[in-house]
Protein backbone atom coordinates (compact mmCIF):
# COMPACT_ATOMS: atom_id res chain seq x y z
CA MET A 1 -15.84 4.38 -18.65
CA MET A 2 -12.35 6.95 -18.08
CA ASN A 3 -13.70 10.69 -19.81
CA LYS A 4 -16.32 9.85 -17.43
CA PHE A 5 -14.17 9.38 -14.10
CA PHE A 6 -11.29 12.69 -15.64
CA LYS A 7 -15.07 14.76 -16.50
CA TRP A 8 -15.51 14.20 -12.54
CA VAL A 9 -12.43 13.87 -11.37
CA GLY A 10 -12.24 17.91 -12.79
CA SER A 11 -15.82 18.57 -11.64
CA LEU A 12 -14.03 18.72 -7.97
CA PHE A 13 -11.85 21.29 -8.14
CA GLY A 14 -15.09 24.10 -9.13
CA ARG A 15 -16.44 22.45 -5.38
CA GLU A 16 -15.62 23.48 -2.05
CA ASP A 17 -15.74 21.85 1.09
CA GLN A 18 -17.18 18.91 -0.32
CA ILE A 19 -15.14 15.08 -0.70
CA PRO A 20 -15.60 13.81 -3.85
CA TRP A 21 -17.34 10.04 -4.08
CA CYS A 22 -16.51 7.85 -6.11
CA ASP A 23 -19.37 5.55 -7.15
CA ARG A 24 -19.23 1.67 -7.82
CA GLU A 25 -19.32 2.23 -11.31
CA ILE A 26 -16.09 4.86 -11.55
CA ILE A 27 -14.42 1.77 -9.39
CA LEU A 28 -15.32 -1.55 -11.78
CA GLY A 29 -14.04 0.66 -14.69
CA CYS A 30 -10.78 1.09 -12.99
CA GLU A 31 -11.18 -2.88 -11.63
CA ARG A 32 -11.82 -3.54 -15.66
CA GLU A 33 -8.85 -1.43 -17.14
CA VAL A 34 -6.25 -2.34 -14.50
CA ALA A 35 -7.49 -6.44 -15.55
CA GLU A 36 -7.19 -5.56 -18.81
CA ASP A 37 -3.38 -4.31 -18.02
CA MET A 38 -2.82 -6.99 -16.30
CA ASP A 39 -3.54 -9.40 -19.19
CA LYS A 40 -0.98 -7.59 -21.69
CA GLY A 41 2.54 -7.62 -19.94
CA GLU A 42 5.36 -5.61 -19.07
CA SER A 43 4.97 -3.29 -22.76
CA ARG A 44 2.87 -1.16 -20.68
CA GLU A 45 4.00 -1.04 -17.05
CA GLU A 46 3.90 2.41 -16.68
CA HIS A 47 0.13 2.42 -18.01
CA LYS A 48 -0.09 -0.85 -15.69
CA SER A 49 1.11 1.98 -13.16
CA GLU A 50 -0.92 4.69 -13.77
CA SER A 51 -4.33 2.37 -13.68
CA ILE A 52 -3.66 1.14 -10.42
CA MET A 53 -2.98 4.44 -8.69
CA ARG A 54 -6.66 5.34 -10.80
CA LEU A 55 -7.76 2.45 -9.06
CA SER A 56 -6.13 3.04 -5.53
CA TRP A 57 -7.88 7.10 -5.35
CA ALA A 58 -11.18 5.56 -6.45
CA LEU A 59 -11.28 3.22 -3.85
CA VAL A 60 -9.73 5.64 -0.83
CA HIS A 61 -12.98 8.01 -1.82
CA SER A 62 -15.96 5.02 -2.00
CA ARG A 63 -18.07 5.34 0.45
CA GLN A 64 -18.18 1.40 1.33
CA PRO A 65 -15.43 0.77 4.24
CA GLU A 66 -14.17 -2.36 2.49
CA ASP A 67 -13.25 -0.17 -0.72
CA VAL A 68 -11.75 2.29 1.24
CA GLU A 69 -9.75 -0.33 3.17
CA ARG A 70 -8.63 -1.87 -0.02
CA GLY A 71 -7.57 1.15 -1.38
CA ILE A 72 -5.17 2.47 1.45
CA ALA A 73 -3.57 -0.74 1.50
CA MET A 74 -2.75 -0.61 -2.48
CA LEU A 75 -1.42 3.07 -2.21
CA LEU A 76 0.59 1.96 1.09
CA GLN A 77 1.74 -1.38 -1.40
CA ALA A 78 2.78 1.25 -3.90
CA ALA A 79 4.60 3.44 -1.40
CA LEU A 80 6.40 0.46 0.40
CA LEU A 81 7.56 -0.59 -3.37
CA ALA A 82 9.17 2.22 -4.51
CA ASN A 83 10.81 3.01 -0.75
CA GLU A 84 11.64 -0.72 -1.97
CA ARG A 85 13.55 0.50 -5.05
CA CYS A 86 14.87 3.90 -3.64
CA LEU A 87 16.86 0.60 -1.10
CA ARG A 88 18.39 -0.56 -3.92
CA MET A 89 19.66 2.13 -5.16
CA GLU A 90 20.20 4.08 -2.20
CA PRO A 91 21.19 1.16 -0.14
CA GLU A 92 22.21 3.42 3.16
CA TRP A 93 19.77 6.26 2.90
CA ILE A 94 18.71 7.47 5.76
CA GLN A 95 15.03 8.39 5.18
CA ALA A 96 13.86 5.10 2.93
CA LEU A 97 15.11 3.09 6.16
CA THR A 98 13.87 4.97 9.02
CA LEU A 99 10.38 5.32 6.84
CA LYS A 100 10.39 1.26 5.87
CA LYS A 101 10.98 0.52 10.30
CA THR A 102 8.27 3.12 10.77
CA VAL A 103 5.63 1.40 8.69
CA GLU A 104 6.87 -2.04 9.25
CA ASP A 105 6.65 -1.28 13.87
CA GLN A 106 3.16 0.55 12.75
CA ILE A 107 2.64 -3.11 11.16
CA VAL A 108 4.13 -5.69 14.03
CA LYS A 109 1.79 -3.39 16.64
CA ASP A 110 -1.65 -2.46 15.94
CA GLY A 111 -1.82 -5.42 12.63
CA PHE A 112 -3.90 -2.56 10.99
CA ILE A 113 -2.33 0.42 9.16
CA GLY A 114 -4.18 3.58 9.29
CA ILE A 115 -4.82 6.50 7.10
CA GLY A 116 -2.80 8.73 8.72
CA ILE A 117 0.30 6.20 8.20
CA THR A 118 -0.04 5.27 4.73
CA ALA A 119 -0.62 9.07 3.71
CA SER A 120 2.90 9.54 5.86
CA ALA A 121 4.00 6.57 3.76
CA VAL A 122 2.80 8.04 0.26
CA ILE A 123 4.07 11.56 0.77
CA ALA A 124 7.34 10.04 1.95
CA GLY A 125 7.57 7.33 -0.97
CA GLY A 126 7.27 10.23 -3.65
CA ILE A 127 9.55 13.20 -2.23
CA VAL A 128 12.24 9.46 -1.40
CA CYS A 129 11.26 8.62 -5.48
CA ALA A 130 11.53 12.74 -6.51
CA LEU A 131 14.60 12.65 -4.86
CA VAL A 132 16.20 9.85 -5.50
CA ARG A 133 15.57 10.74 -9.58
CA ARG A 134 17.20 13.98 -8.50
CA GLN A 135 20.17 12.46 -8.14
CA LEU A 136 20.28 10.35 -10.26
CA ASP A 137 19.87 12.93 -12.89
CA HIS A 138 22.97 15.48 -11.65
CA ARG A 139 25.50 11.99 -12.38
């Protein structure tokens, strides 16, 4: 199943101007992988994170709106968790505090997080984590 997933993802890079849609079979395979990783516990934490990200990616590339919404929620949760980890390491970090407030304000305002906010949160969370990692490496 995962070989099909990676072959499919790899085939996308040769195409131009096409949305990489994900079919139900791939989503189900990713869901099974996440479930297996959850059953195995903490010993496979890194693999568990990777399988959750693969599932999130597959969901946001589905043609079904409910799958896309679920994928966005998973990505937003991952970004918020990454931001919280950064704040535990550097509680006064302005960028992380600003990101947290922006997301919280948007949740209160809309009750729904749009794709733009989610994408911004994911990108910002990745940047924040990369900066934290770089700072920790220099210490």
